[in-house]
Amino acid sequence: MASVIELLKLPADQIPPQFKVERYFDLKAHPFKHEAFFKDPRVTNVVGAVRAIGAYVTKWLAENLPKL
């Protein structure tokens, strides 16, 4: 049985490659409007991204919906 890796407790430099955001998103090759989300220090791995996306979307909508 595989051991559990607590990604949220690991420093960014100790995240296993298969869980790093960079494995799934190449922001240099494919920049996009919400790149700021990936600059959040909580978003160093896929678990951090899933946990942070709700707050990011809520904040973004509150700031941008009136302009749209």
N, C-alpha and C. Protein backbone atom coordinates (compact mmCIF):
# COMPACT_ATOMS: atom_id res chain seq x y z
N MET A 1 0.84 -1.18 0.00
CA MET A 1 0.00 0.00 0.00
C MET A 1 0.88 1.24 0.00
N ALA A 2 0.52 2.22 -0.81
CA ALA A 2 1.30 3.46 -0.92
C ALA A 2 1.12 4.33 0.32
N SER A 3 2.15 5.08 0.64
CA SER A 3 2.04 5.98 1.79
C SER A 3 1.32 7.26 1.38
N VAL A 4 0.75 7.94 2.34
CA VAL A 4 0.02 9.17 2.10
C VAL A 4 1.00 10.33 2.09
N ILE A 5 0.89 11.18 1.09
CA ILE A 5 1.72 12.38 1.00
C ILE A 5 0.83 13.57 1.34
N GLU A 6 1.15 14.28 2.39
CA GLU A 6 0.37 15.44 2.79
C GLU A 6 0.92 16.67 2.07
N LEU A 7 0.42 16.89 0.86
CA LEU A 7 0.94 17.95 0.00
C LEU A 7 0.88 19.33 0.63
N LEU A 8 -0.18 19.60 1.35
CA LEU A 8 -0.34 20.94 1.92
C LEU A 8 0.66 21.24 3.03
N LYS A 9 1.31 20.21 3.55
CA LYS A 9 2.30 20.41 4.60
C LYS A 9 3.72 20.48 4.06
N LEU A 10 3.89 20.20 2.78
CA LEU A 10 5.23 20.20 2.19
C LEU A 10 5.63 21.57 1.67
N PRO A 11 6.90 21.95 1.83
CA PRO A 11 7.38 23.17 1.18
C PRO A 11 7.33 22.97 -0.34
N ALA A 12 7.19 24.05 -1.08
CA ALA A 12 7.05 23.98 -2.54
C ALA A 12 8.16 23.17 -3.19
N ASP A 13 9.38 23.26 -2.68
CA ASP A 13 10.50 22.56 -3.31
C ASP A 13 10.51 21.06 -3.01
N GLN A 14 9.60 20.59 -2.16
CA GLN A 14 9.53 19.16 -1.85
C GLN A 14 8.28 18.47 -2.42
N ILE A 15 7.50 19.21 -3.19
CA ILE A 15 6.31 18.63 -3.81
C ILE A 15 6.76 17.65 -4.89
N PRO A 16 6.26 16.42 -4.87
CA PRO A 16 6.61 15.47 -5.93
C PRO A 16 6.17 16.00 -7.30
N PRO A 17 6.95 15.77 -8.34
CA PRO A 17 6.65 16.34 -9.67
C PRO A 17 5.25 16.04 -10.18
N GLN A 18 4.71 14.87 -9.90
CA GLN A 18 3.39 14.52 -10.42
C GLN A 18 2.27 15.34 -9.79
N PHE A 19 2.55 16.08 -8.73
CA PHE A 19 1.54 16.88 -8.06
C PHE A 19 1.75 18.38 -8.24
N LYS A 20 2.81 18.77 -8.94
CA LYS A 20 3.08 20.19 -9.14
C LYS A 20 2.15 20.77 -10.19
N VAL A 21 1.75 22.00 -9.97
CA VAL A 21 0.86 22.70 -10.90
C VAL A 21 1.51 22.79 -12.28
N GLU A 22 2.81 22.98 -12.34
CA GLU A 22 3.52 23.13 -13.62
C GLU A 22 3.36 21.90 -14.52
N ARG A 23 3.10 20.76 -13.94
CA ARG A 23 2.92 19.55 -14.74
C ARG A 23 1.64 19.64 -15.59
N TYR A 24 0.68 20.38 -15.10
CA TYR A 24 -0.62 20.48 -15.77
C TYR A 24 -0.84 21.79 -16.51
N PHE A 25 -0.14 22.83 -16.12
CA PHE A 25 -0.31 24.15 -16.73
C PHE A 25 1.05 24.73 -17.12
N ASP A 26 1.26 24.97 -18.40
CA ASP A 26 2.48 25.61 -18.88
C ASP A 26 2.13 27.06 -19.19
N LEU A 27 2.30 27.92 -18.20
CA LEU A 27 1.89 29.31 -18.33
C LEU A 27 2.79 30.11 -19.26
N LYS A 28 3.99 29.65 -19.49
CA LYS A 28 4.87 30.34 -20.44
C LYS A 28 4.43 30.07 -21.87
N ALA A 29 4.10 28.84 -22.16
CA ALA A 29 3.66 28.47 -23.50
C ALA A 29 2.21 28.89 -23.76
N HIS A 30 1.40 28.90 -22.70
CA HIS A 30 -0.03 29.19 -22.84
C HIS A 30 -0.50 30.16 -21.76
N PRO A 31 -0.06 31.42 -21.83
CA PRO A 31 -0.50 32.39 -20.83
C PRO A 31 -2.01 32.64 -20.95
N PHE A 32 -2.63 32.96 -19.84
CA PHE A 32 -4.05 33.25 -19.88
C PHE A 32 -4.44 34.23 -18.79
N LYS A 33 -5.65 34.71 -18.88
CA LYS A 33 -6.16 35.80 -18.04
C LYS A 33 -6.03 35.54 -16.53
N HIS A 34 -6.17 34.33 -16.09
CA HIS A 34 -6.19 34.03 -14.67
C HIS A 34 -4.87 33.47 -14.15
N GLU A 35 -3.81 33.87 -14.78
CA GLU A 35 -2.47 33.44 -14.38
C GLU A 35 -2.16 33.82 -12.93
N ALA A 36 -2.76 34.91 -12.46
CA ALA A 36 -2.53 35.37 -11.08
C ALA A 36 -2.91 34.30 -10.06
N PHE A 37 -3.88 33.47 -10.39
CA PHE A 37 -4.28 32.40 -9.48
C PHE A 37 -3.09 31.51 -9.12
N PHE A 38 -2.24 31.24 -10.09
CA PHE A 38 -1.11 30.34 -9.88
C PHE A 38 0.06 31.02 -9.18
N LYS A 39 -0.03 32.31 -8.96
CA LYS A 39 1.00 33.03 -8.21
C LYS A 39 0.70 33.01 -6.71
N ASP A 40 -0.50 32.58 -6.35
CA ASP A 40 -0.90 32.47 -4.94
C ASP A 40 0.02 31.44 -4.27
N PRO A 41 0.64 31.78 -3.15
CA PRO A 41 1.56 30.85 -2.49
C PRO A 41 0.91 29.55 -2.01
N ARG A 42 -0.41 29.51 -1.92
CA ARG A 42 -1.10 28.27 -1.53
C ARG A 42 -1.24 27.32 -2.70
N VAL A 43 -0.99 27.82 -3.91
CA VAL A 43 -1.21 27.03 -5.12
C VAL A 43 0.13 26.51 -5.65
N THR A 44 0.75 25.62 -4.90
CA THR A 44 2.02 25.03 -5.32
C THR A 44 1.82 23.60 -5.81
N ASN A 45 0.60 23.08 -5.62
CA ASN A 45 0.31 21.70 -5.99
C ASN A 45 -1.17 21.58 -6.33
N VAL A 46 -1.56 20.44 -6.86
CA VAL A 46 -2.94 20.26 -7.32
C VAL A 46 -3.95 20.34 -6.17
N VAL A 47 -3.59 19.87 -5.01
CA VAL A 47 -4.51 19.95 -3.86
C VAL A 47 -4.70 21.41 -3.46
N GLY A 48 -3.62 22.16 -3.41
CA GLY A 48 -3.72 23.58 -3.09
C GLY A 48 -4.56 24.33 -4.11
N ALA A 49 -4.43 23.97 -5.38
CA ALA A 49 -5.22 24.62 -6.43
C ALA A 49 -6.70 24.33 -6.25
N VAL A 50 -7.03 23.09 -5.99
CA VAL A 50 -8.45 22.73 -5.80
C VAL A 50 -9.02 23.45 -4.59
N ARG A 51 -8.26 23.53 -3.54
CA ARG A 51 -8.75 24.19 -2.32
C ARG A 51 -8.88 25.70 -2.49
N ALA A 52 -8.04 26.31 -3.31
CA ALA A 52 -8.02 27.77 -3.44
C ALA A 52 -8.92 28.31 -4.56
N ILE A 53 -9.35 27.46 -5.48
CA ILE A 53 -10.08 27.96 -6.66
C ILE A 53 -11.39 28.65 -6.29
N GLY A 54 -12.11 28.13 -5.31
CA GLY A 54 -13.39 28.73 -4.93
C GLY A 54 -13.23 30.17 -4.45
N ALA A 55 -12.28 30.40 -3.58
CA ALA A 55 -12.03 31.76 -3.06
C ALA A 55 -11.57 32.68 -4.18
N TYR A 56 -10.73 32.16 -5.08
CA TYR A 56 -10.26 32.99 -6.19
C TYR A 56 -11.42 33.40 -7.10
N VAL A 57 -12.27 32.46 -7.46
CA VAL A 57 -13.40 32.74 -8.35
C VAL A 57 -14.36 33.72 -7.69
N THR A 58 -14.65 33.51 -6.42
CA THR A 58 -15.56 34.41 -5.70
C THR A 58 -15.02 35.83 -5.70
N LYS A 59 -13.74 35.98 -5.40
CA LYS A 59 -13.11 37.31 -5.37
C LYS A 59 -13.09 37.93 -6.77
N TRP A 60 -12.73 37.14 -7.76
CA TRP A 60 -12.66 37.65 -9.13
C TRP A 60 -14.03 38.11 -9.60
N LEU A 61 -15.06 37.32 -9.33
CA LEU A 61 -16.42 37.71 -9.73
C LEU A 61 -16.87 38.97 -9.02
N ALA A 62 -16.59 39.08 -7.73
CA ALA A 62 -16.99 40.28 -6.99
C ALA A 62 -16.32 41.53 -7.56
N GLU A 63 -15.08 41.40 -8.00
CA GLU A 63 -14.35 42.54 -8.54
C GLU A 63 -14.72 42.84 -10.00
N ASN A 64 -15.07 41.82 -10.77
CA ASN A 64 -15.24 42.00 -12.21
C ASN A 64 -16.67 41.94 -12.73
N LEU A 65 -17.56 41.30 -12.01
CA LEU A 65 -18.93 41.16 -12.50
C LEU A 65 -19.61 42.50 -12.75
N PRO A 66 -19.44 43.48 -11.86
CA PRO A 66 -20.08 44.77 -12.14
C PRO A 66 -19.57 45.43 -13.45
N LYS A 67 -18.32 45.17 -13.79
CA LYS A 67 -17.74 45.74 -15.02
C LYS A 67 -18.22 45.02 -16.27
N LEU A 68 -18.62 43.76 -16.10
CA LEU A 68 -19.05 42.97 -17.24
C LEU A 68 -20.48 43.32 -17.58
